[in-house]
């Protein structure tokens, strides 16, 4: 599953043409305050106006989109009599737009669609303009929504939420600061790694996952240090796209299941959670897929030939820790507010996340508690 996508500098300016071709009469443009401040929704809005399409803006989106925000967006979509959605931003505005589409077509509360293939009616046409090099929500069949009452994230996995078009413009990465670059880049790397070792991987997803790992490994740190280097940003955006195509079809694993639980409980940046957990999850999973992890090591530029499996595992874990540290994300969960008493609750929620189903090694709740504990 993949949407149509247009990749290249300036592609965001095609939003109006695509919206008109998809039968748009009035558009709800979904974004967030940070992306608004960067000016990208204004660019897209100009494109809609040039195409003769009126639009309304919904920007009430948090960094982890909340259920009530989606319901408010669906009400705005109805009140404004829209028939098409355009999302401008990272994973949060895109997932919010998906949620608005689900509610608008299916007429039920967003939290009722948790799980796999629970969306019965197709959503309205959705065009995405991603502005981060990591989330890849613009090409995926996932929508991750925060339920603040229960302090957990729900995963909606459905072909019905795959966007119609993604306009992937590397220029939009120029307004990311180093922390955002690191978080979204490590999220994309985790997508690629988990997709490659997923029990649902295939030759097609492998192709995208390995190329994503190569691109992110070579360009993440340089792009964080040189935010206005458009060639570096283009390579990172391409890596994010490939990782998205891989994980949307192969699904993910324990790192994402645990990151969703963390993010829901303490409202933490998703990419930072993945960065903290990835090396520890790789260490846990390695015995179940050593040949696959060795291929990942080669894509990371490691020379593993002739090593024992334990030394290969150690070298791979060391490389992930190096990337995390040099990206500025070398923190402990305790520093972010996680307490030892929280761990059983976090582990219980992670075990119920759909991403855990395709993890290469089946963990117990105790195993997940140990991994969280090591990250404290």
Protein backbone atom coordinates (compact mmCIF):
# COMPACT_ATOMS: atom_id res chain seq x y z
CA UNK A 1 0.00 0.00 0.00
CA UNK A 2 1.27 3.45 -0.95
CA UNK A 3 -0.26 6.73 -2.05
CA UNK A 4 0.66 8.62 -5.18
CA UNK A 5 3.59 10.84 -4.26
CA UNK A 6 5.45 13.69 -5.88
CA UNK A 7 9.01 14.14 -4.57
CA UNK A 8 11.12 17.23 -5.10
CA UNK A 9 11.76 20.85 -4.22
CA UNK A 10 8.64 22.92 -4.88
CA UNK A 11 6.21 19.99 -4.91
CA UNK A 12 4.17 21.65 -2.13
CA UNK A 13 2.99 24.21 -4.67
CA UNK A 14 1.05 21.48 -6.51
CA UNK A 15 -1.49 21.09 -3.68
CA UNK A 16 -4.12 23.20 -5.43
CA UNK A 17 -3.88 21.33 -8.70
CA UNK A 18 -4.20 17.96 -6.97
CA UNK A 19 -7.09 19.15 -4.81
CA UNK A 20 -8.96 20.35 -7.87
CA UNK A 21 -8.28 17.09 -9.72
CA UNK A 22 -9.64 15.13 -6.75
CA UNK A 23 -12.92 17.02 -6.95
CA UNK A 24 -12.33 19.49 -4.15
CA UNK A 25 -14.98 22.16 -3.61
CA UNK A 26 -13.82 23.43 -0.21
CA UNK A 27 -10.75 22.29 1.68
CA UNK A 28 -10.01 21.91 5.39
CA UNK A 29 -6.29 22.62 5.79
CA UNK A 30 -5.03 20.84 8.93
CA UNK A 31 -1.80 22.04 10.53
CA UNK A 32 -0.32 23.06 13.89
CA UNK A 33 0.96 26.34 15.37
CA UNK A 34 4.64 25.49 14.89
CA UNK A 35 4.22 24.69 11.21
CA UNK A 36 2.09 27.81 10.80
CA UNK A 37 4.92 29.90 12.25
CA UNK A 38 7.29 28.37 9.68
CA UNK A 39 5.03 29.57 6.87
CA UNK A 40 4.40 26.31 5.01
CA UNK A 41 0.57 26.32 5.34
CA UNK A 42 0.56 29.81 3.83
CA UNK A 43 2.41 28.46 0.78
CA UNK A 44 -0.09 25.65 0.40
CA UNK A 45 -3.02 28.00 0.92
CA UNK A 46 -1.76 30.20 -1.91
CA UNK A 47 -1.71 27.13 -4.14
CA UNK A 48 -5.33 26.37 -3.26
CA UNK A 49 -6.38 29.95 -4.00
CA UNK A 50 -4.62 29.83 -7.37
CA UNK A 51 -6.64 26.70 -8.17
CA UNK A 52 -9.86 28.53 -7.31
CA UNK A 53 -10.53 26.54 -4.13
CA UNK A 54 -11.75 28.13 -0.89
CA UNK A 55 -10.35 26.68 2.32
CA UNK A 56 -10.63 26.84 6.10
CA UNK A 57 -7.73 26.26 8.50
CA UNK A 58 -7.81 23.95 11.51
CA UNK A 59 -4.64 24.37 13.60
CA UNK A 60 -5.74 23.06 16.99
CA UNK A 61 -3.33 20.13 16.89
CA UNK A 62 -0.89 19.16 19.68
CA UNK A 63 2.45 17.44 19.19
CA UNK A 64 0.68 14.16 20.00
CA UNK A 65 -2.80 14.63 18.46
CA UNK A 66 -5.56 14.15 21.01
CA UNK A 67 -8.93 12.51 20.52
CA UNK A 68 -10.80 15.70 21.40
CA UNK A 69 -8.78 17.67 18.83
CA UNK A 70 -9.83 15.24 16.13
CA UNK A 71 -13.47 15.50 17.13
CA UNK A 72 -13.19 19.32 17.05
CA UNK A 73 -11.57 19.10 13.62
CA UNK A 74 -14.37 16.85 12.36
CA UNK A 75 -16.91 19.41 13.57
CA UNK A 76 -15.01 22.17 11.75
CA UNK A 77 -14.97 20.03 8.59
CA UNK A 78 -18.76 19.61 8.83
CA UNK A 79 -19.49 23.21 9.74
CA UNK A 80 -17.34 24.57 6.91
CA UNK A 81 -18.99 22.15 4.45
CA UNK A 82 -15.64 20.80 3.25
CA UNK A 83 -15.19 17.77 1.03
CA UNK A 84 -11.39 17.41 0.97
CA UNK A 85 -8.53 17.46 3.50
CA UNK A 86 -5.02 18.86 3.13
CA UNK A 87 -2.54 18.16 5.97
CA UNK A 88 0.58 20.32 6.27
CA UNK A 89 3.07 19.29 8.93
CA UNK A 90 4.64 16.30 10.60
CA UNK A 91 2.99 13.17 11.88
CA UNK A 92 0.67 15.05 14.24
CA UNK A 93 -1.27 17.16 11.67
CA UNK A 94 -1.30 14.23 9.23
CA UNK A 95 -2.65 11.80 11.83
CA UNK A 96 -5.16 14.41 12.96
CA UNK A 97 -6.34 14.87 9.36
CA UNK A 98 -6.69 11.10 9.02
CA UNK A 99 -8.74 11.05 12.21
CA UNK A 100 -10.95 13.89 10.97
CA UNK A 101 -11.53 11.94 7.77
CA UNK A 102 -12.43 8.78 9.67
CA UNK A 103 -14.95 10.54 11.89
CA UNK A 104 -16.43 12.55 9.02
CA UNK A 105 -17.13 9.44 6.96
CA UNK A 106 -18.00 6.94 9.68
CA UNK A 107 -19.89 9.17 12.13
CA UNK A 108 -18.46 7.66 15.31
CA UNK A 109 -15.97 8.75 17.98
CA UNK A 110 -12.36 8.37 16.89
CA UNK A 111 -11.45 6.09 19.80
CA UNK A 112 -13.87 3.45 18.50
CA UNK A 113 -11.56 2.68 15.55
CA UNK A 114 -8.58 1.35 17.48
CA UNK A 115 -6.91 -1.71 15.98
CA UNK A 116 -6.50 -3.20 12.54
CA UNK A 117 -9.03 -2.75 9.70
CA UNK A 118 -11.74 -1.16 11.85
CA UNK A 119 -12.51 1.71 9.44
CA UNK A 120 -15.45 0.61 7.28
CA UNK A 121 -16.11 3.70 5.15
CA UNK A 122 -13.39 5.41 3.06
CA UNK A 123 -12.27 8.81 4.25
CA UNK A 124 -12.56 11.97 2.11
CA UNK A 125 -9.71 12.72 -0.29
CA UNK A 126 -6.53 13.53 1.67
CA UNK A 127 -3.45 15.37 0.38
CA UNK A 128 -0.37 15.58 2.60
CA UNK A 129 2.55 18.00 2.61
CA UNK A 130 5.02 16.53 5.15
CA UNK A 131 7.39 18.94 6.90
CA UNK A 132 9.52 16.51 8.92
CA UNK A 133 11.97 13.89 7.71
CA UNK A 134 10.80 11.08 9.87
CA UNK A 135 7.14 10.47 10.67
CA UNK A 136 6.15 9.21 7.19
CA UNK A 137 2.48 9.36 8.17
CA UNK A 138 1.94 10.84 4.71
CA UNK A 139 2.58 7.44 3.07
CA UNK A 140 1.38 5.05 5.77
CA UNK A 141 -1.76 3.17 6.78
CA UNK A 142 -1.26 4.17 10.43
CA UNK A 143 -2.87 6.89 12.54
CA UNK A 144 -1.66 7.27 16.13
CA UNK A 145 -4.06 9.10 18.44
CA UNK A 146 -3.66 10.10 22.10
CA UNK A 147 -6.42 9.26 24.56
CA UNK A 148 -5.55 11.70 27.38
CA UNK A 149 -8.11 10.26 29.80
CA UNK A 150 -6.44 6.84 29.73
CA UNK A 151 -2.96 8.32 29.13
CA UNK A 152 -2.26 6.04 26.20
CA UNK A 153 -1.93 6.16 22.44
CA UNK A 154 -4.16 4.08 20.23
CA UNK A 155 -3.07 2.80 16.84
CA UNK A 156 -5.50 2.80 13.95
CA UNK A 157 -4.19 0.63 11.11
CA UNK A 158 -6.28 0.64 7.96
CA UNK A 159 -5.88 0.89 4.21
CA UNK A 160 -8.72 3.43 4.39
CA UNK A 161 -6.37 6.03 5.93
CA UNK A 162 -3.62 5.82 3.29
CA UNK A 163 -3.54 9.37 1.85
CA UNK A 164 -4.42 9.93 -1.80
CA UNK A 165 -1.37 12.08 -2.53
CA UNK A 166 1.80 13.08 -0.69
CA UNK A 167 3.68 16.15 -1.93
CA UNK A 168 7.14 15.59 -0.47
CA UNK A 169 9.17 18.80 -0.60
CA UNK A 170 12.64 18.66 1.03
CA UNK A 171 12.62 22.45 1.31
CA UNK A 172 10.22 22.16 4.25
CA UNK A 173 12.96 20.57 6.38
CA UNK A 174 14.92 23.83 6.41
CA UNK A 175 12.88 25.14 9.34
CA UNK A 176 13.56 22.12 11.61
CA UNK A 177 15.89 22.82 14.52
CA UNK A 178 18.64 20.30 15.46
CA UNK A 179 16.49 18.61 18.13
CA UNK A 180 13.56 18.13 15.74
CA UNK A 181 15.93 16.91 13.05
CA UNK A 182 17.42 14.37 15.44
CA UNK A 183 14.05 13.15 16.76
CA UNK A 184 12.43 12.73 13.37
CA UNK A 185 15.57 11.22 11.84
CA UNK A 186 15.89 8.63 14.59
CA UNK A 187 12.19 7.86 14.20
CA UNK A 188 12.76 7.18 10.49
CA UNK A 189 15.78 5.00 11.29
CA UNK A 190 13.69 3.00 13.75
CA UNK A 191 10.98 2.59 11.09
CA UNK A 192 13.52 1.11 8.69
CA UNK A 193 15.22 -1.17 11.22
CA UNK A 194 11.97 -2.56 12.62
CA UNK A 195 10.45 -3.02 9.16
CA UNK A 196 13.50 -4.99 8.01
CA UNK A 197 13.35 -7.46 10.91
CA UNK A 198 9.53 -7.55 11.06
CA UNK A 199 7.87 -10.94 10.71
CA UNK A 200 5.78 -9.35 7.92
CA UNK A 201 8.75 -8.10 5.88
CA UNK A 202 9.07 -8.90 2.17
CA UNK A 203 11.55 -8.40 -0.65
CA UNK A 204 9.86 -5.10 -1.53
CA UNK A 205 9.91 -3.71 2.00
CA UNK A 206 13.49 -4.94 2.48
CA UNK A 207 14.60 -2.91 -0.53
CA UNK A 208 13.17 0.30 0.90
CA UNK A 209 14.26 -0.40 4.48
CA UNK A 210 17.93 -1.01 3.70
CA UNK A 211 18.21 2.04 1.45
CA UNK A 212 16.56 4.13 4.17
CA UNK A 213 19.11 2.92 6.72
CA UNK A 214 21.99 3.84 4.41
CA UNK A 215 20.62 7.29 3.66
CA UNK A 216 19.81 8.14 7.27
CA UNK A 217 23.11 6.85 8.61
CA UNK A 218 25.04 8.99 6.12
CA UNK A 219 22.97 12.17 6.33
CA UNK A 220 21.26 12.51 9.72
CA UNK A 221 24.13 14.07 11.66
CA UNK A 222 25.40 16.27 8.80
CA UNK A 223 21.87 17.60 8.15
CA UNK A 224 21.44 18.46 11.85
CA UNK A 225 24.70 20.43 11.73
CA UNK A 226 23.94 22.07 8.36
CA UNK A 227 20.18 22.74 8.41
CA UNK A 228 20.17 24.83 5.22
CA UNK A 229 22.04 22.32 3.07
CA UNK A 230 19.26 21.36 0.68
CA UNK A 231 21.08 18.32 -0.70
CA UNK A 232 21.45 16.84 2.79
CA UNK A 233 17.82 17.60 3.55
CA UNK A 234 16.77 15.98 0.27
CA UNK A 235 18.62 12.78 1.15
CA UNK A 236 17.04 12.71 4.61
CA UNK A 237 13.57 13.25 3.14
CA UNK A 238 14.20 10.43 0.68
CA UNK A 239 15.34 8.18 3.54
CA UNK A 240 12.19 9.03 5.46
CA UNK A 241 10.05 8.21 2.41
CA UNK A 242 11.72 4.84 1.90
CA UNK A 243 11.38 4.00 5.60
CA UNK A 244 7.70 4.93 5.44
CA UNK A 245 7.04 2.73 2.43
CA UNK A 246 8.77 -0.12 4.29
CA UNK A 247 7.03 0.12 7.65
CA UNK A 248 3.57 0.87 6.31
CA UNK A 249 3.64 -2.54 4.63
CA UNK A 250 5.87 -4.59 6.94
CA UNK A 251 4.58 -2.95 10.17
CA UNK A 252 6.99 -2.37 13.08
CA UNK A 253 8.09 -3.88 16.38
CA UNK A 254 8.74 -3.53 20.10
CA UNK A 255 10.51 -0.17 19.97
CA UNK A 256 7.46 1.51 18.48
CA UNK A 257 5.05 -0.35 20.75
CA UNK A 258 7.04 0.85 23.77
CA UNK A 259 7.44 4.39 22.37
CA UNK A 260 3.68 4.65 21.84
CA UNK A 261 3.12 3.63 25.46
CA UNK A 262 5.66 6.17 26.72
CA UNK A 263 4.35 8.97 24.54
CA UNK A 264 0.79 8.35 25.60
CA UNK A 265 1.61 8.24 29.30
CA UNK A 266 3.88 11.29 29.55
CA UNK A 267 3.20 13.13 26.25
CA UNK A 268 6.83 12.76 25.15
CA UNK A 269 8.31 13.34 21.66
CA UNK A 270 7.84 10.10 19.75
CA UNK A 271 11.19 10.18 17.98
CA UNK A 272 13.07 10.78 21.21
CA UNK A 273 11.36 7.76 22.79
CA UNK A 274 12.41 5.58 19.86
CA UNK A 275 15.98 6.87 20.01
CA UNK A 276 16.24 5.92 23.68
CA UNK A 277 14.75 2.45 23.17
CA UNK A 278 16.09 1.30 19.80
CA UNK A 279 19.50 -0.06 20.83
CA UNK A 280 18.03 -1.94 23.78
CA UNK A 281 15.29 -3.48 21.64
CA UNK A 282 17.88 -4.47 19.01
CA UNK A 283 19.91 -6.17 21.74
CA UNK A 284 16.82 -8.11 22.85
CA UNK A 285 15.74 -9.06 19.31
CA UNK A 286 19.15 -9.94 17.86
CA UNK A 287 19.10 -13.69 18.72
CA UNK A 288 15.84 -14.15 16.78
CA UNK A 289 17.13 -12.63 13.52
CA UNK A 290 20.96 -12.51 13.53
CA UNK A 291 21.33 -12.64 9.74
CA UNK A 292 18.89 -9.77 9.29
CA UNK A 293 20.64 -7.66 11.89
CA UNK A 294 23.96 -8.38 10.21
CA UNK A 295 22.54 -6.92 6.99
CA UNK A 296 21.46 -3.85 8.94
CA UNK A 297 25.01 -3.58 10.27
CA UNK A 298 26.39 -3.58 6.74
CA UNK A 299 23.90 -0.87 5.74
CA UNK A 300 25.22 1.15 8.70
CA UNK A 301 28.77 0.78 7.35
CA UNK A 302 29.96 -1.74 9.94
CA UNK A 303 32.51 -4.43 9.10
CA UNK A 304 31.20 -7.52 10.85
CA UNK A 305 32.76 -10.35 8.81
CA UNK A 306 34.55 -12.92 10.94
CA UNK A 307 32.99 -11.81 14.21
CA UNK A 308 31.07 -14.05 16.56
CA UNK A 309 27.35 -13.36 16.88
CA UNK A 310 27.89 -11.76 20.30
CA UNK A 311 30.51 -9.40 18.90
CA UNK A 312 28.27 -8.54 15.94
CA UNK A 313 25.45 -7.73 18.32
CA UNK A 314 27.72 -5.61 20.49
CA UNK A 315 29.04 -3.68 17.47
CA UNK A 316 25.52 -3.00 16.19
CA UNK A 317 24.24 -1.85 19.59
CA UNK A 318 27.31 0.38 19.99
CA UNK A 319 26.63 2.04 16.62
CA UNK A 320 23.01 2.83 17.49
CA UNK A 321 24.17 4.31 20.80
CA UNK A 322 26.77 6.40 18.99
CA UNK A 323 24.18 7.81 16.61
CA UNK A 324 21.83 8.62 19.48
CA UNK A 325 24.58 10.34 21.47
CA UNK A 326 25.90 12.39 18.56
CA UNK A 327 22.35 13.39 17.65
CA UNK A 328 21.97 14.87 21.15
CA UNK A 329 19.37 12.37 22.34
CA UNK A 330 21.48 10.47 24.87
CA UNK A 331 19.13 10.84 27.84
CA UNK A 332 17.59 8.44 30.31
CA UNK A 333 13.86 7.91 30.67
CA UNK A 334 14.16 8.97 34.30
CA UNK A 335 15.32 12.40 33.16
CA UNK A 336 12.11 12.68 31.11
CA UNK A 337 9.93 11.94 34.13
CA UNK A 338 9.53 8.15 34.00
CA UNK A 339 9.60 6.46 37.42
CA UNK A 340 10.22 2.84 38.29
CA UNK A 341 6.64 2.56 39.52
CA UNK A 342 5.42 3.49 36.03
CA UNK A 343 7.11 0.56 34.32
CA UNK A 344 4.43 -2.16 34.83
CA UNK A 345 1.74 0.15 33.42
CA UNK A 346 3.93 1.09 30.45
CA UNK A 347 4.76 -2.55 29.74
CA UNK A 348 1.12 -3.62 29.91
CA UNK A 349 0.11 -1.00 27.33
CA UNK A 350 3.07 -1.80 25.07
CA UNK A 351 2.16 -5.48 25.03
CA UNK A 352 -1.29 -4.59 23.62
CA UNK A 353 0.07 -2.35 20.84
CA UNK A 354 -0.43 -3.75 17.29
CA UNK A 355 3.25 -3.11 16.50
CA UNK A 356 4.24 -5.82 18.97
CA UNK A 357 2.60 -8.49 16.81
CA UNK A 358 5.34 -8.31 14.13
CA UNK A 359 8.32 -8.05 16.47
CA UNK A 360 10.81 -10.81 15.53
CA UNK A 361 10.99 -12.09 19.10
CA UNK A 362 7.88 -12.58 21.22
CA UNK A 363 8.50 -10.85 24.55
CA UNK A 364 6.78 -11.35 27.85
CA UNK A 365 5.55 -8.40 29.87
CA UNK A 366 8.53 -9.03 32.13
CA UNK A 367 10.93 -8.72 29.19
CA UNK A 368 9.43 -5.33 28.30
CA UNK A 369 9.68 -4.21 31.91
CA UNK A 370 13.38 -5.09 31.90
CA UNK A 371 14.01 -3.05 28.74
CA UNK A 372 12.19 -0.04 30.20
CA UNK A 373 14.15 -0.49 33.42
CA UNK A 374 17.47 -0.51 31.58
CA UNK A 375 16.50 2.76 29.91
CA UNK A 376 15.65 4.49 33.21
